[in-house]
Amino acid sequence: MNLLSTVAFAVSLSLTFIGLPLQLRKIRTKRSTEGLSFTYMLLVFLGFSTWFLHGLARADAYLAASQAPGIVLSLIILAHFWVYKKRVP
């Protein structure tokens, strides 16, 4: 593993384990996804997913492993859009 891989691994995990959990806590506290863009979260998920696949294709375990938690957490957040969808009368 080279220095760039190490830095990318650390930054990705920081985003994943700080940014996404804070957003998830906000969603659960408010019991709403109001103010959060579905499109943005979908792009976050797709970003993590494509980097994960790229890591697999390059046989770079650090790249793939650093993206996996982001995939899981962004999927959880996306699921909340369905859970807290507005009920139409």
PDB file of N, CA and C in Angstrom:
ATOM      1  N   MET A   1       0.856  -1.178   0.000  1.00  0.00           N
ATOM      2  CA  MET A   1       0.000   0.000   0.000  1.00  0.00           C
ATOM      3  C   MET A   1       0.896   1.234   0.000  1.00  0.00           C
ATOM      4  N   ASN A   2       0.604   2.164  -0.889  1.00  0.00           N
ATOM      5  CA  ASN A   2       1.419   3.377  -0.941  1.00  0.00           C
ATOM      6  C   ASN A   2       0.760   4.498  -0.137  1.00  0.00           C
ATOM      7  N   LEU A   3       1.446   5.627  -0.055  1.00  0.00           N
ATOM      8  CA  LEU A   3       0.971   6.750   0.748  1.00  0.00           C
ATOM      9  C   LEU A   3      -0.373   7.275   0.250  1.00  0.00           C
ATOM     10  N   LEU A   4      -0.529   7.387  -1.054  1.00  0.00           N
ATOM     11  CA  LEU A   4      -1.788   7.894  -1.602  1.00  0.00           C
ATOM     12  C   LEU A   4      -2.964   6.986  -1.239  1.00  0.00           C
ATOM     13  N   SER A   5      -2.757   5.687  -1.308  1.00  0.00           N
ATOM     14  CA  SER A   5      -3.809   4.745  -0.914  1.00  0.00           C
ATOM     15  C   SER A   5      -4.160   4.908   0.557  1.00  0.00           C
ATOM     16  N   THR A   6      -3.164   5.108   1.385  1.00  0.00           N
ATOM     17  CA  THR A   6      -3.388   5.290   2.822  1.00  0.00           C
ATOM     18  C   THR A   6      -4.194   6.553   3.091  1.00  0.00           C
ATOM     19  N   VAL A   7      -3.823   7.649   2.436  1.00  0.00           N
ATOM     20  CA  VAL A   7      -4.536   8.918   2.624  1.00  0.00           C
ATOM     21  C   VAL A   7      -5.973   8.802   2.115  1.00  0.00           C
ATOM     22  N   ALA A   8      -6.162   8.222   0.942  1.00  0.00           N
ATOM     23  CA  ALA A   8      -7.507   8.041   0.387  1.00  0.00           C
ATOM     24  C   ALA A   8      -8.359   7.178   1.308  1.00  0.00           C
ATOM     25  N   PHE A   9      -7.779   6.135   1.854  1.00  0.00           N
ATOM     26  CA  PHE A   9      -8.465   5.247   2.787  1.00  0.00           C
ATOM     27  C   PHE A   9      -8.925   6.021   4.021  1.00  0.00           C
ATOM     28  N   ALA A  10      -8.018   6.826   4.595  1.00  0.00           N
ATOM     29  CA  ALA A  10      -8.336   7.584   5.813  1.00  0.00           C
ATOM     30  C   ALA A  10      -9.406   8.644   5.556  1.00  0.00           C
ATOM     31  N   VAL A  11      -9.299   9.366   4.460  1.00  0.00           N
ATOM     32  CA  VAL A  11     -10.271  10.419   4.157  1.00  0.00           C
ATOM     33  C   VAL A  11     -11.650   9.824   3.885  1.00  0.00           C
ATOM     34  N   SER A  12     -11.686   8.754   3.127  1.00  0.00           N
ATOM     35  CA  SER A  12     -12.959   8.113   2.814  1.00  0.00           C
ATOM     36  C   SER A  12     -13.643   7.579   4.070  1.00  0.00           C
ATOM     37  N   LEU A  13     -12.868   6.958   4.942  1.00  0.00           N
ATOM     38  CA  LEU A  13     -13.458   6.454   6.180  1.00  0.00           C
ATOM     39  C   LEU A  13     -13.919   7.591   7.079  1.00  0.00           C
ATOM     40  N   SER A  14     -13.200   8.717   7.078  1.00  0.00           N
ATOM     41  CA  SER A  14     -13.629   9.874   7.874  1.00  0.00           C
ATOM     42  C   SER A  14     -14.970  10.391   7.394  1.00  0.00           C
ATOM     43  N   LEU A  15     -15.109  10.543   6.083  1.00  0.00           N
ATOM     44  CA  LEU A  15     -16.394  10.977   5.526  1.00  0.00           C
ATOM     45  C   LEU A  15     -17.490   9.982   5.885  1.00  0.00           C
ATOM     46  N   THR A  16     -17.164   8.725   5.721  1.00  0.00           N
ATOM     47  CA  THR A  16     -18.147   7.676   5.951  1.00  0.00           C
ATOM     48  C   THR A  16     -18.567   7.590   7.407  1.00  0.00           C
ATOM     49  N   PHE A  17     -17.612   7.648   8.325  1.00  0.00           N
ATOM     50  CA  PHE A  17     -17.935   7.432   9.732  1.00  0.00           C
ATOM     51  C   PHE A  17     -18.213   8.703  10.513  1.00  0.00           C
ATOM     52  N   ILE A  18     -18.096   9.866   9.874  1.00  0.00           N
ATOM     53  CA  ILE A  18     -18.461  11.126  10.529  1.00  0.00           C
ATOM     54  C   ILE A  18     -19.648  11.756   9.807  1.00  0.00           C
ATOM     55  N   GLY A  19     -19.505  11.998   8.502  1.00  0.00           N
ATOM     56  CA  GLY A  19     -20.537  12.712   7.748  1.00  0.00           C
ATOM     57  C   GLY A  19     -21.855  11.968   7.615  1.00  0.00           C
ATOM     58  N   LEU A  20     -21.806  10.746   7.160  1.00  0.00           N
ATOM     59  CA  LEU A  20     -23.059  10.002   6.943  1.00  0.00           C
ATOM     60  C   LEU A  20     -23.777   9.663   8.249  1.00  0.00           C
ATOM     61  N   PRO A  21     -23.080   9.249   9.309  1.00  0.00           N
ATOM     62  CA  PRO A  21     -23.801   9.002  10.569  1.00  0.00           C
ATOM     63  C   PRO A  21     -24.454  10.262  11.145  1.00  0.00           C
ATOM     64  N   LEU A  22     -23.800  11.421  10.989  1.00  0.00           N
ATOM     65  CA  LEU A  22     -24.426  12.658  11.455  1.00  0.00           C
ATOM     66  C   LEU A  22     -25.715  12.933  10.699  1.00  0.00           C
ATOM     67  N   GLN A  23     -25.703  12.684   9.394  1.00  0.00           N
ATOM     68  CA  GLN A  23     -26.919  12.873   8.597  1.00  0.00           C
ATOM     69  C   GLN A  23     -27.993  11.882   9.008  1.00  0.00           C
ATOM     70  N   LEU A  24     -27.603  10.647   9.245  1.00  0.00           N
ATOM     71  CA  LEU A  24     -28.556   9.623   9.659  1.00  0.00           C
ATOM     72  C   LEU A  24     -29.173   9.965  11.017  1.00  0.00           C
ATOM     73  N   ARG A  25     -28.362  10.464  11.931  1.00  0.00           N
ATOM     74  CA  ARG A  25     -28.883  10.871  13.246  1.00  0.00           C
ATOM     75  C   ARG A  25     -29.895  12.002  13.095  1.00  0.00           C
ATOM     76  N   LYS A  26     -29.591  12.958  12.216  1.00  0.00           N
ATOM     77  CA  LYS A  26     -30.514  14.071  11.978  1.00  0.00           C
ATOM     78  C   LYS A  26     -31.844  13.570  11.411  1.00  0.00           C
ATOM     79  N   ILE A  27     -31.774  12.631  10.470  1.00  0.00           N
ATOM     80  CA  ILE A  27     -32.994  12.067   9.874  1.00  0.00           C
ATOM     81  C   ILE A  27     -33.823  11.368  10.941  1.00  0.00           C
ATOM     82  N   ARG A  28     -33.179  10.570  11.763  1.00  0.00           N
ATOM     83  CA  ARG A  28     -33.916   9.811  12.775  1.00  0.00           C
ATOM     84  C   ARG A  28     -34.478  10.702  13.867  1.00  0.00           C
ATOM     85  N   THR A  29     -33.753  11.759  14.216  1.00  0.00           N
ATOM     86  CA  THR A  29     -34.246  12.691  15.233  1.00  0.00           C
ATOM     87  C   THR A  29     -35.477  13.437  14.733  1.00  0.00           C
ATOM     88  N   LYS A  30     -35.408  13.929  13.484  1.00  0.00           N
ATOM     89  CA  LYS A  30     -36.520  14.671  12.893  1.00  0.00           C
ATOM     90  C   LYS A  30     -37.622  13.758  12.383  1.00  0.00           C
ATOM     91  N   ARG A  31     -37.301  12.471  12.220  1.00  0.00           N
ATOM     92  CA  ARG A  31     -38.222  11.519  11.600  1.00  0.00           C
ATOM     93  C   ARG A  31     -38.702  12.024  10.243  1.00  0.00           C
ATOM     94  N   SER A  32     -37.716  12.566   9.501  1.00  0.00           N
ATOM     95  CA  SER A  32     -38.022  13.144   8.205  1.00  0.00           C
ATOM     96  C   SER A  32     -36.737  13.265   7.390  1.00  0.00           C
ATOM     97  N   THR A  33     -36.867  13.165   6.077  1.00  0.00           N
ATOM     98  CA  THR A  33     -35.739  13.410   5.184  1.00  0.00           C
ATOM     99  C   THR A  33     -35.846  14.797   4.556  1.00  0.00           C
ATOM    100  N   GLU A  34     -36.740  15.616   5.097  1.00  0.00           N
ATOM    101  CA  GLU A  34     -36.922  16.971   4.590  1.00  0.00           C
ATOM    102  C   GLU A  34     -35.602  17.734   4.653  1.00  0.00           C
ATOM    103  N   GLY A  35     -35.297  18.418   3.583  1.00  0.00           N
ATOM    104  CA  GLY A  35     -34.066  19.191   3.518  1.00  0.00           C
ATOM    105  C   GLY A  35     -32.885  18.409   2.969  1.00  0.00           C
ATOM    106  N   LEU A  36     -33.077  17.141   2.714  1.00  0.00           N
ATOM    107  CA  LEU A  36     -32.015  16.296   2.165  1.00  0.00           C
ATOM    108  C   LEU A  36     -32.404  15.907   0.742  1.00  0.00           C
ATOM    109  N   SER A  37     -31.488  16.075  -0.169  1.00  0.00           N
ATOM    110  CA  SER A  37     -31.756  15.779  -1.570  1.00  0.00           C
ATOM    111  C   SER A  37     -31.612  14.288  -1.849  1.00  0.00           C
ATOM    112  N   PHE A  38     -32.673  13.687  -2.375  1.00  0.00           N
ATOM    113  CA  PHE A  38     -32.613  12.281  -2.770  1.00  0.00           C
ATOM    114  C   PHE A  38     -31.580  12.095  -3.872  1.00  0.00           C
ATOM    115  N   THR A  39     -31.563  13.023  -4.831  1.00  0.00           N
ATOM    116  CA  THR A  39     -30.617  12.933  -5.940  1.00  0.00           C
ATOM    117  C   THR A  39     -29.181  12.958  -5.426  1.00  0.00           C
ATOM    118  N   TYR A  40     -28.909  13.852  -4.490  1.00  0.00           N
ATOM    119  CA  TYR A  40     -27.561  13.934  -3.914  1.00  0.00           C
ATOM    120  C   TYR A  40     -27.180  12.623  -3.232  1.00  0.00           C
ATOM    121  N   MET A  41     -28.077  12.079  -2.431  1.00  0.00           N
ATOM    122  CA  MET A  41     -27.763  10.841  -1.725  1.00  0.00           C
ATOM    123  C   MET A  41     -27.612   9.680  -2.696  1.00  0.00           C
ATOM    124  N   LEU A  42     -28.386   9.689  -3.768  1.00  0.00           N
ATOM    125  CA  LEU A  42     -28.230   8.659  -4.796  1.00  0.00           C
ATOM    126  C   LEU A  42     -26.852   8.763  -5.446  1.00  0.00           C
ATOM    127  N   LEU A  43     -26.408   9.985  -5.718  1.00  0.00           N
ATOM    128  CA  LEU A  43     -25.082  10.184  -6.290  1.00  0.00           C
ATOM    129  C   LEU A  43     -23.975   9.779  -5.318  1.00  0.00           C
ATOM    130  N   VAL A  44     -24.175  10.039  -4.022  1.00  0.00           N
ATOM    131  CA  VAL A  44     -23.214   9.590  -3.009  1.00  0.00           C
ATOM    132  C   VAL A  44     -23.111   8.069  -3.041  1.00  0.00           C
ATOM    133  N   PHE A  45     -24.256   7.403  -3.068  1.00  0.00           N
ATOM    134  CA  PHE A  45     -24.270   5.942  -3.148  1.00  0.00           C
ATOM    135  C   PHE A  45     -23.561   5.448  -4.401  1.00  0.00           C
ATOM    136  N   LEU A  46     -23.884   6.051  -5.539  1.00  0.00           N
ATOM    137  CA  LEU A  46     -23.260   5.641  -6.805  1.00  0.00           C
ATOM    138  C   LEU A  46     -21.756   5.913  -6.797  1.00  0.00           C
ATOM    139  N   GLY A  47     -21.344   7.004  -6.170  1.00  0.00           N
ATOM    140  CA  GLY A  47     -19.917   7.300  -6.058  1.00  0.00           C
ATOM    141  C   GLY A  47     -19.182   6.240  -5.252  1.00  0.00           C
ATOM    142  N   PHE A  48     -19.712   5.925  -4.075  1.00  0.00           N
ATOM    143  CA  PHE A  48     -19.103   4.871  -3.255  1.00  0.00           C
ATOM    144  C   PHE A  48     -19.095   3.540  -4.002  1.00  0.00           C
ATOM    145  N   SER A  49     -20.190   3.241  -4.684  1.00  0.00           N
ATOM    146  CA  SER A  49     -20.304   1.957  -5.387  1.00  0.00           C
ATOM    147  C   SER A  49     -19.308   1.832  -6.528  1.00  0.00           C
ATOM    148  N   THR A  50     -19.161   2.896  -7.312  1.00  0.00           N
ATOM    149  CA  THR A  50     -18.238   2.813  -8.444  1.00  0.00           C
ATOM    150  C   THR A  50     -16.786   2.761  -7.986  1.00  0.00           C
ATOM    151  N   TRP A  51     -16.452   3.490  -6.919  1.00  0.00           N
ATOM    152  CA  TRP A  51     -15.091   3.389  -6.390  1.00  0.00           C
ATOM    153  C   TRP A  51     -14.832   2.011  -5.796  1.00  0.00           C
ATOM    154  N   PHE A  52     -15.851   1.422  -5.182  1.00  0.00           N
ATOM    155  CA  PHE A  52     -15.727   0.059  -4.667  1.00  0.00           C
ATOM    156  C   PHE A  52     -15.431  -0.913  -5.814  1.00  0.00           C
ATOM    157  N   LEU A  53     -16.205  -0.810  -6.888  1.00  0.00           N
ATOM    158  CA  LEU A  53     -16.000  -1.686  -8.038  1.00  0.00           C
ATOM    159  C   LEU A  53     -14.640  -1.450  -8.689  1.00  0.00           C
ATOM    160  N   HIS A  54     -14.221  -0.209  -8.731  1.00  0.00           N
ATOM    161  CA  HIS A  54     -12.900   0.118  -9.269  1.00  0.00           C
ATOM    162  C   HIS A  54     -11.807  -0.534  -8.421  1.00  0.00           C
ATOM    163  N   GLY A  55     -11.982  -0.471  -7.101  1.00  0.00           N
ATOM    164  CA  GLY A  55     -11.017  -1.124  -6.213  1.00  0.00           C
ATOM    165  C   GLY A  55     -10.962  -2.623  -6.433  1.00  0.00           C
ATOM    166  N   LEU A  56     -12.125  -3.228  -6.629  1.00  0.00           N
ATOM    167  CA  LEU A  56     -12.152  -4.668  -6.914  1.00  0.00           C
ATOM    168  C   LEU A  56     -11.456  -4.982  -8.233  1.00  0.00           C
ATOM    169  N   ALA A  57     -11.724  -4.169  -9.247  1.00  0.00           N
ATOM    170  CA  ALA A  57     -11.133  -4.391 -10.564  1.00  0.00           C
ATOM    171  C   ALA A  57      -9.614  -4.256 -10.539  1.00  0.00           C
ATOM    172  N   ARG A  58      -9.122  -3.365  -9.693  1.00  0.00           N
ATOM    173  CA  ARG A  58      -7.673  -3.162  -9.576  1.00  0.00           C
ATOM    174  C   ARG A  58      -7.041  -4.072  -8.542  1.00  0.00           C
ATOM    175  N   ALA A  59      -7.862  -4.897  -7.902  1.00  0.00           N
ATOM    176  CA  ALA A  59      -7.397  -5.763  -6.811  1.00  0.00           C
ATOM    177  C   ALA A  59      -6.765  -4.932  -5.697  1.00  0.00           C
ATOM    178  N   ASP A  60      -7.372  -3.764  -5.437  1.00  0.00           N
ATOM    179  CA  ASP A  60      -6.905  -2.868  -4.374  1.00  0.00           C
ATOM    180  C   ASP A  60      -7.867  -2.997  -3.195  1.00  0.00           C
ATOM    181  N   ALA A  61      -7.501  -3.856  -2.267  1.00  0.00           N
ATOM    182  CA  ALA A  61      -8.368  -4.146  -1.128  1.00  0.00           C
ATOM    183  C   ALA A  61      -8.626  -2.909  -0.275  1.00  0.00           C
ATOM    184  N   TYR A  62      -7.649  -2.033  -0.151  1.00  0.00           N
ATOM    185  CA  TYR A  62      -7.831  -0.828   0.667  1.00  0.00           C
ATOM    186  C   TYR A  62      -8.859   0.106   0.044  1.00  0.00           C
ATOM    187  N   LEU A  63      -8.798   0.278  -1.257  1.00  0.00           N
ATOM    188  CA  LEU A  63      -9.772   1.132  -1.939  1.00  0.00           C
ATOM    189  C   LEU A  63     -11.170   0.540  -1.816  1.00  0.00           C
ATOM    190  N   ALA A  64     -11.294  -0.738  -2.082  1.00  0.00           N
ATOM    191  CA  ALA A  64     -12.610  -1.387  -2.000  1.00  0.00           C
ATOM    192  C   ALA A  64     -13.146  -1.358  -0.567  1.00  0.00           C
ATOM    193  N   ALA A  65     -12.300  -1.698   0.390  1.00  0.00           N
ATOM    194  CA  ALA A  65     -12.742  -1.760   1.790  1.00  0.00           C
ATOM    195  C   ALA A  65     -13.148  -0.390   2.323  1.00  0.00           C
ATOM    196  N   SER A  66     -12.480   0.659   1.872  1.00  0.00           N
ATOM    197  CA  SER A  66     -12.820   1.994   2.371  1.00  0.00           C
ATOM    198  C   SER A  66     -14.151   2.490   1.829  1.00  0.00           C
ATOM    199  N   GLN A  67     -14.638   1.906   0.755  1.00  0.00           N
ATOM    200  CA  GLN A  67     -15.897   2.328   0.153  1.00  0.00           C
ATOM    201  C   GLN A  67     -17.097   1.538   0.663  1.00  0.00           C
ATOM    202  N   ALA A  68     -16.876   0.324   1.124  1.00  0.00           N
ATOM    203  CA  ALA A  68     -17.974  -0.556   1.545  1.00  0.00           C
ATOM    204  C   ALA A  68     -18.857   0.055   2.641  1.00  0.00           C
ATOM    205  N   PRO A  69     -18.285   0.633   3.706  1.00  0.00           N
ATOM    206  CA  PRO A  69     -19.171   1.236   4.723  1.00  0.00           C
ATOM    207  C   PRO A  69     -20.013   2.380   4.167  1.00  0.00           C
ATOM    208  N   GLY A  70     -19.457   3.151   3.234  1.00  0.00           N
ATOM    209  CA  GLY A  70     -20.210   4.242   2.613  1.00  0.00           C
ATOM    210  C   GLY A  70     -21.392   3.734   1.812  1.00  0.00           C
ATOM    211  N   ILE A  71     -21.193   2.595   1.159  1.00  0.00           N
ATOM    212  CA  ILE A  71     -22.298   1.981   0.413  1.00  0.00           C
ATOM    213  C   ILE A  71     -23.418   1.618   1.373  1.00  0.00           C
ATOM    214  N   VAL A  72     -23.069   0.983   2.472  1.00  0.00           N
ATOM    215  CA  VAL A  72     -24.073   0.540   3.445  1.00  0.00           C
ATOM    216  C   VAL A  72     -24.803   1.734   4.061  1.00  0.00           C
ATOM    217  N   LEU A  73     -24.049   2.727   4.540  1.00  0.00           N
ATOM    218  CA  LEU A  73     -24.685   3.874   5.192  1.00  0.00           C
ATOM    219  C   LEU A  73     -25.518   4.702   4.218  1.00  0.00           C
ATOM    220  N   SER A  74     -25.032   4.880   2.989  1.00  0.00           N
ATOM    221  CA  SER A  74     -25.834   5.655   2.032  1.00  0.00           C
ATOM    222  C   SER A  74     -27.094   4.899   1.637  1.00  0.00           C
ATOM    223  N   LEU A  75     -27.032   3.570   1.584  1.00  0.00           N
ATOM    224  CA  LEU A  75     -28.245   2.783   1.330  1.00  0.00           C
ATOM    225  C   LEU A  75     -29.250   2.929   2.476  1.00  0.00           C
ATOM    226  N   ILE A  76     -28.746   2.957   3.699  1.00  0.00           N
ATOM    227  CA  ILE A  76     -29.635   3.148   4.856  1.00  0.00           C
ATOM    228  C   ILE A  76     -30.324   4.501   4.760  1.00  0.00           C
ATOM    229  N   ILE A  77     -29.554   5.538   4.412  1.00  0.00           N
ATOM    230  CA  ILE A  77     -30.146   6.868   4.277  1.00  0.00           C
ATOM    231  C   ILE A  77     -31.159   6.882   3.136  1.00  0.00           C
ATOM    232  N   LEU A  78     -30.826   6.266   2.009  1.00  0.00           N
ATOM    233  CA  LEU A  78     -31.782   6.202   0.892  1.00  0.00           C
ATOM    234  C   LEU A  78     -33.056   5.463   1.298  1.00  0.00           C
ATOM    235  N   ALA A  79     -32.933   4.425   2.100  1.00  0.00           N
ATOM    236  CA  ALA A  79     -34.111   3.689   2.566  1.00  0.00           C
ATOM    237  C   ALA A  79     -35.018   4.584   3.400  1.00  0.00           C
ATOM    238  N   HIS A  80     -34.431   5.534   4.110  1.00  0.00           N
ATOM    239  CA  HIS A  80     -35.235   6.448   4.917  1.00  0.00           C
ATOM    240  C   HIS A  80     -36.126   7.351   4.060  1.00  0.00           C
ATOM    241  N   PHE A  81     -35.743   7.588   2.828  1.00  0.00           N
ATOM    242  CA  PHE A  81     -36.631   8.344   1.944  1.00  0.00           C
ATOM    243  C   PHE A  81     -37.927   7.580   1.736  1.00  0.00           C
ATOM    244  N   TRP A  82     -37.850   6.267   1.676  1.00  0.00           N
ATOM    245  CA  TRP A  82     -39.042   5.438   1.529  1.00  0.00           C
ATOM    246  C   TRP A  82     -39.800   5.363   2.853  1.00  0.00           C
ATOM    247  N   VAL A  83     -39.069   5.183   3.948  1.00  0.00           N
ATOM    248  CA  VAL A  83     -39.711   5.049   5.272  1.00  0.00           C
ATOM    249  C   VAL A  83     -40.466   6.319   5.642  1.00  0.00           C
ATOM    250  N   TYR A  84     -39.866   7.479   5.382  1.00  0.00           N
ATOM    251  CA  TYR A  84     -40.453   8.751   5.799  1.00  0.00           C
ATOM    252  C   TYR A  84     -41.116   9.508   4.643  1.00  0.00           C
ATOM    253  N   LYS A  85     -41.479   8.788   3.585  1.00  0.00           N
ATOM    254  CA  LYS A  85     -42.114   9.485   2.467  1.00  0.00           C
ATOM    255  C   LYS A  85     -43.412  10.123   2.935  1.00  0.00           C
ATOM    256  N   LYS A  86     -43.734  11.241   2.310  1.00  0.00           N
ATOM    257  CA  LYS A  86     -44.953  11.968   2.686  1.00  0.00           C
ATOM    258  C   LYS A  86     -46.172  11.171   2.248  1.00  0.00           C
ATOM    259  N   ARG A  87     -47.104  11.067   3.121  1.00  0.00           N
ATOM    260  CA  ARG A  87     -48.352  10.387   2.820  1.00  0.00           C
ATOM    261  C   ARG A  87     -49.292  11.346   2.083  1.00  0.00           C
ATOM    262  N   VAL A  88     -49.727  10.930   0.923  1.00  0.00           N
ATOM    263  CA  VAL A  88     -50.654  11.759   0.143  1.00  0.00           C
ATOM    264  C   VAL A  88     -52.076  11.376   0.544  1.00  0.00           C
ATOM    265  N   PRO A  89     -52.889  12.369   0.979  1.00  0.00           N
ATOM    266  CA  PRO A  89     -54.252  12.042   1.403  1.00  0.00           C
ATOM    267  C   PRO A  89     -55.139  11.587   0.280  1.00  0.00           C
TER     268      PRO A  89
END
